[in-house]
Amino acid sequence: MKIINRSMLDEHMEKFPDSKTPLDAWLNELIRADWTKPSDIKQSYPRASILKGSRVIFRIGGNKYRLVVKFNYKKGLGYIRFIGTHKEYDKINAEEI
């Protein structure tokens, strides 16, 4: 898959250096992934939350951070919609961002 809006991740890793290793691992897996439906993601990330609108919430760094990605499975694209701390995540509506 290809990632869109990678700059959000880079900015987050700069602000929270402890997130770099887990986010790099996630990115490497995403790049190699051939996810065509939400259940494919659940095989790799059983704790991921599947939302409406092709959005998926990933728990990063032992659930210290939340990552919301909107997928276009047919095109093989993942759009970063949000990355932040748990406290920041609690202030958004992941189904609308």
C-alpha atoms as a PDB file:
ATOM      1  CA  MET A   1       0.000   0.000   0.000  1.00  0.00           C
ATOM      2  CA  LYS A   2       0.993   3.592  -0.475  1.00  0.00           C
ATOM      3  CA  ILE A   3       0.704   6.165   2.285  1.00  0.00           C
ATOM      4  CA  ILE A   4      -0.713   9.654   1.720  1.00  0.00           C
ATOM      5  CA  ASN A   5       0.058  12.551   4.076  1.00  0.00           C
ATOM      6  CA  ARG A   6       3.248  11.009   5.455  1.00  0.00           C
ATOM      7  CA  SER A   7       4.288  14.465   6.675  1.00  0.00           C
ATOM      8  CA  MET A   8       1.822  14.145   9.574  1.00  0.00           C
ATOM      9  CA  LEU A   9       3.724  11.094  10.801  1.00  0.00           C
ATOM     10  CA  ASP A  10       7.092  12.796  10.385  1.00  0.00           C
ATOM     11  CA  GLU A  11       5.910  15.812  12.396  1.00  0.00           C
ATOM     12  CA  HIS A  12       4.545  13.551  15.102  1.00  0.00           C
ATOM     13  CA  MET A  13       7.796  11.559  15.340  1.00  0.00           C
ATOM     14  CA  GLU A  14       9.740  14.803  15.674  1.00  0.00           C
ATOM     15  CA  LYS A  15       7.473  15.973  18.487  1.00  0.00           C
ATOM     16  CA  PHE A  16       7.316  12.546  20.183  1.00  0.00           C
ATOM     17  CA  PRO A  17      10.631  10.738  19.493  1.00  0.00           C
ATOM     18  CA  ASP A  18       9.493   7.629  21.372  1.00  0.00           C
ATOM     19  CA  SER A  19       6.887   7.056  18.659  1.00  0.00           C
ATOM     20  CA  LYS A  20       9.502   6.754  15.892  1.00  0.00           C
ATOM     21  CA  THR A  21      10.315   3.059  16.294  1.00  0.00           C
ATOM     22  CA  PRO A  22       6.699   1.816  16.441  1.00  0.00           C
ATOM     23  CA  LEU A  23       5.579   4.147  13.628  1.00  0.00           C
ATOM     24  CA  ASP A  24       8.502   3.101  11.431  1.00  0.00           C
ATOM     25  CA  ALA A  25       7.550  -0.547  12.031  1.00  0.00           C
ATOM     26  CA  TRP A  26       3.922   0.213  11.127  1.00  0.00           C
ATOM     27  CA  LEU A  27       4.979   2.092   7.977  1.00  0.00           C
ATOM     28  CA  ASN A  28       7.246  -0.751   6.852  1.00  0.00           C
ATOM     29  CA  GLU A  29       4.413  -3.232   7.262  1.00  0.00           C
ATOM     30  CA  LEU A  30       1.939  -0.964   5.473  1.00  0.00           C
ATOM     31  CA  ILE A  31       4.259  -0.523   2.496  1.00  0.00           C
ATOM     32  CA  ARG A  32       4.527  -4.307   2.098  1.00  0.00           C
ATOM     33  CA  ALA A  33       0.823  -4.940   2.790  1.00  0.00           C
ATOM     34  CA  ASP A  34      -1.711  -5.943   0.187  1.00  0.00           C
ATOM     35  CA  TRP A  35      -4.839  -5.173   2.175  1.00  0.00           C
ATOM     36  CA  THR A  36      -7.975  -5.348   0.060  1.00  0.00           C
ATOM     37  CA  LYS A  37     -10.552  -5.292   2.852  1.00  0.00           C
ATOM     38  CA  PRO A  38     -10.763  -4.504   6.585  1.00  0.00           C
ATOM     39  CA  SER A  39     -10.455  -8.156   7.605  1.00  0.00           C
ATOM     40  CA  ASP A  40      -6.976  -8.205   6.022  1.00  0.00           C
ATOM     41  CA  ILE A  41      -5.930  -5.475   8.447  1.00  0.00           C
ATOM     42  CA  LYS A  42      -7.416  -7.359  11.388  1.00  0.00           C
ATOM     43  CA  GLN A  43      -5.211 -10.350  10.545  1.00  0.00           C
ATOM     44  CA  SER A  44      -2.121  -8.187  10.982  1.00  0.00           C
ATOM     45  CA  TYR A  45      -3.524  -5.912  13.695  1.00  0.00           C
ATOM     46  CA  PRO A  46      -6.193  -7.753  15.707  1.00  0.00           C
ATOM     47  CA  ARG A  47      -6.604  -4.795  18.090  1.00  0.00           C
ATOM     48  CA  ALA A  48      -7.211  -2.294  15.277  1.00  0.00           C
ATOM     49  CA  SER A  49     -10.677  -0.762  15.318  1.00  0.00           C
ATOM     50  CA  ILE A  50     -12.572  -0.737  12.038  1.00  0.00           C
ATOM     51  CA  LEU A  51     -14.844   2.290  11.621  1.00  0.00           C
ATOM     52  CA  LYS A  52     -17.330   3.336   8.984  1.00  0.00           C
ATOM     53  CA  GLY A  53     -16.030   5.299   6.041  1.00  0.00           C
ATOM     54  CA  SER A  54     -13.068   2.930   5.525  1.00  0.00           C
ATOM     55  CA  ARG A  55     -11.304   4.336   8.579  1.00  0.00           C
ATOM     56  CA  VAL A  56      -9.134   2.243  10.874  1.00  0.00           C
ATOM     57  CA  ILE A  57      -7.714   3.143  14.276  1.00  0.00           C
ATOM     58  CA  PHE A  58      -4.305   1.699  15.090  1.00  0.00           C
ATOM     59  CA  ARG A  59      -2.855   1.653  18.594  1.00  0.00           C
ATOM     60  CA  ILE A  60       0.776   2.731  18.376  1.00  0.00           C
ATOM     61  CA  GLY A  61       3.512   2.417  20.994  1.00  0.00           C
ATOM     62  CA  GLY A  62       1.631   0.226  23.433  1.00  0.00           C
ATOM     63  CA  ASN A  63      -1.540   2.282  22.916  1.00  0.00           C
ATOM     64  CA  LYS A  64       0.209   5.505  23.924  1.00  0.00           C
ATOM     65  CA  TYR A  65      -0.677   6.983  20.535  1.00  0.00           C
ATOM     66  CA  ARG A  66      -3.628   6.612  18.182  1.00  0.00           C
ATOM     67  CA  LEU A  67      -3.380   6.616  14.420  1.00  0.00           C
ATOM     68  CA  VAL A  68      -6.462   7.029  12.212  1.00  0.00           C
ATOM     69  CA  VAL A  69      -6.097   6.026   8.579  1.00  0.00           C
ATOM     70  CA  LYS A  70      -8.710   6.148   5.838  1.00  0.00           C
ATOM     71  CA  PHE A  71      -8.150   3.424   3.260  1.00  0.00           C
ATOM     72  CA  ASN A  72      -8.973   3.198  -0.406  1.00  0.00           C
ATOM     73  CA  TYR A  73      -8.542  -0.544  -0.787  1.00  0.00           C
ATOM     74  CA  LYS A  74      -9.093  -0.608  -4.561  1.00  0.00           C
ATOM     75  CA  LYS A  75      -6.313   1.921  -5.175  1.00  0.00           C
ATOM     76  CA  GLY A  76      -4.038   0.556  -2.443  1.00  0.00           C
ATOM     77  CA  LEU A  77      -3.889   3.879  -0.584  1.00  0.00           C
ATOM     78  CA  GLY A  78      -3.878   4.801   3.087  1.00  0.00           C
ATOM     79  CA  TYR A  79      -4.625   8.432   3.977  1.00  0.00           C
ATOM     80  CA  ILE A  80      -3.322   9.538   7.362  1.00  0.00           C
ATOM     81  CA  ARG A  81      -6.191  11.428   8.982  1.00  0.00           C
ATOM     82  CA  PHE A  82      -4.873  11.742  12.562  1.00  0.00           C
ATOM     83  CA  ILE A  83      -1.917  10.822  14.744  1.00  0.00           C
ATOM     84  CA  GLY A  84      -1.750  11.897  18.363  1.00  0.00           C
ATOM     85  CA  THR A  85      -1.744  11.028  22.013  1.00  0.00           C
ATOM     86  CA  HIS A  86      -4.659   9.338  23.699  1.00  0.00           C
ATOM     87  CA  LYS A  87      -5.676  12.690  25.200  1.00  0.00           C
ATOM     88  CA  GLU A  88      -5.629  14.352  21.762  1.00  0.00           C
ATOM     89  CA  TYR A  89      -7.554  11.438  20.260  1.00  0.00           C
ATOM     90  CA  ASP A  90     -10.297  11.843  22.850  1.00  0.00           C
ATOM     91  CA  LYS A  91     -10.998  15.317  21.424  1.00  0.00           C
ATOM     92  CA  ILE A  92     -11.724  14.205  17.857  1.00  0.00           C
ATOM     93  CA  ASN A  93     -14.413  12.245  16.077  1.00  0.00           C
ATOM     94  CA  ALA A  94     -12.451   9.588  14.201  1.00  0.00           C
ATOM     95  CA  GLU A  95     -15.398   8.887  11.912  1.00  0.00           C
ATOM     96  CA  GLU A  96     -15.487  12.470  10.640  1.00  0.00           C
ATOM     97  CA  ILE A  97     -11.868  13.554  10.286  1.00  0.00           C
END
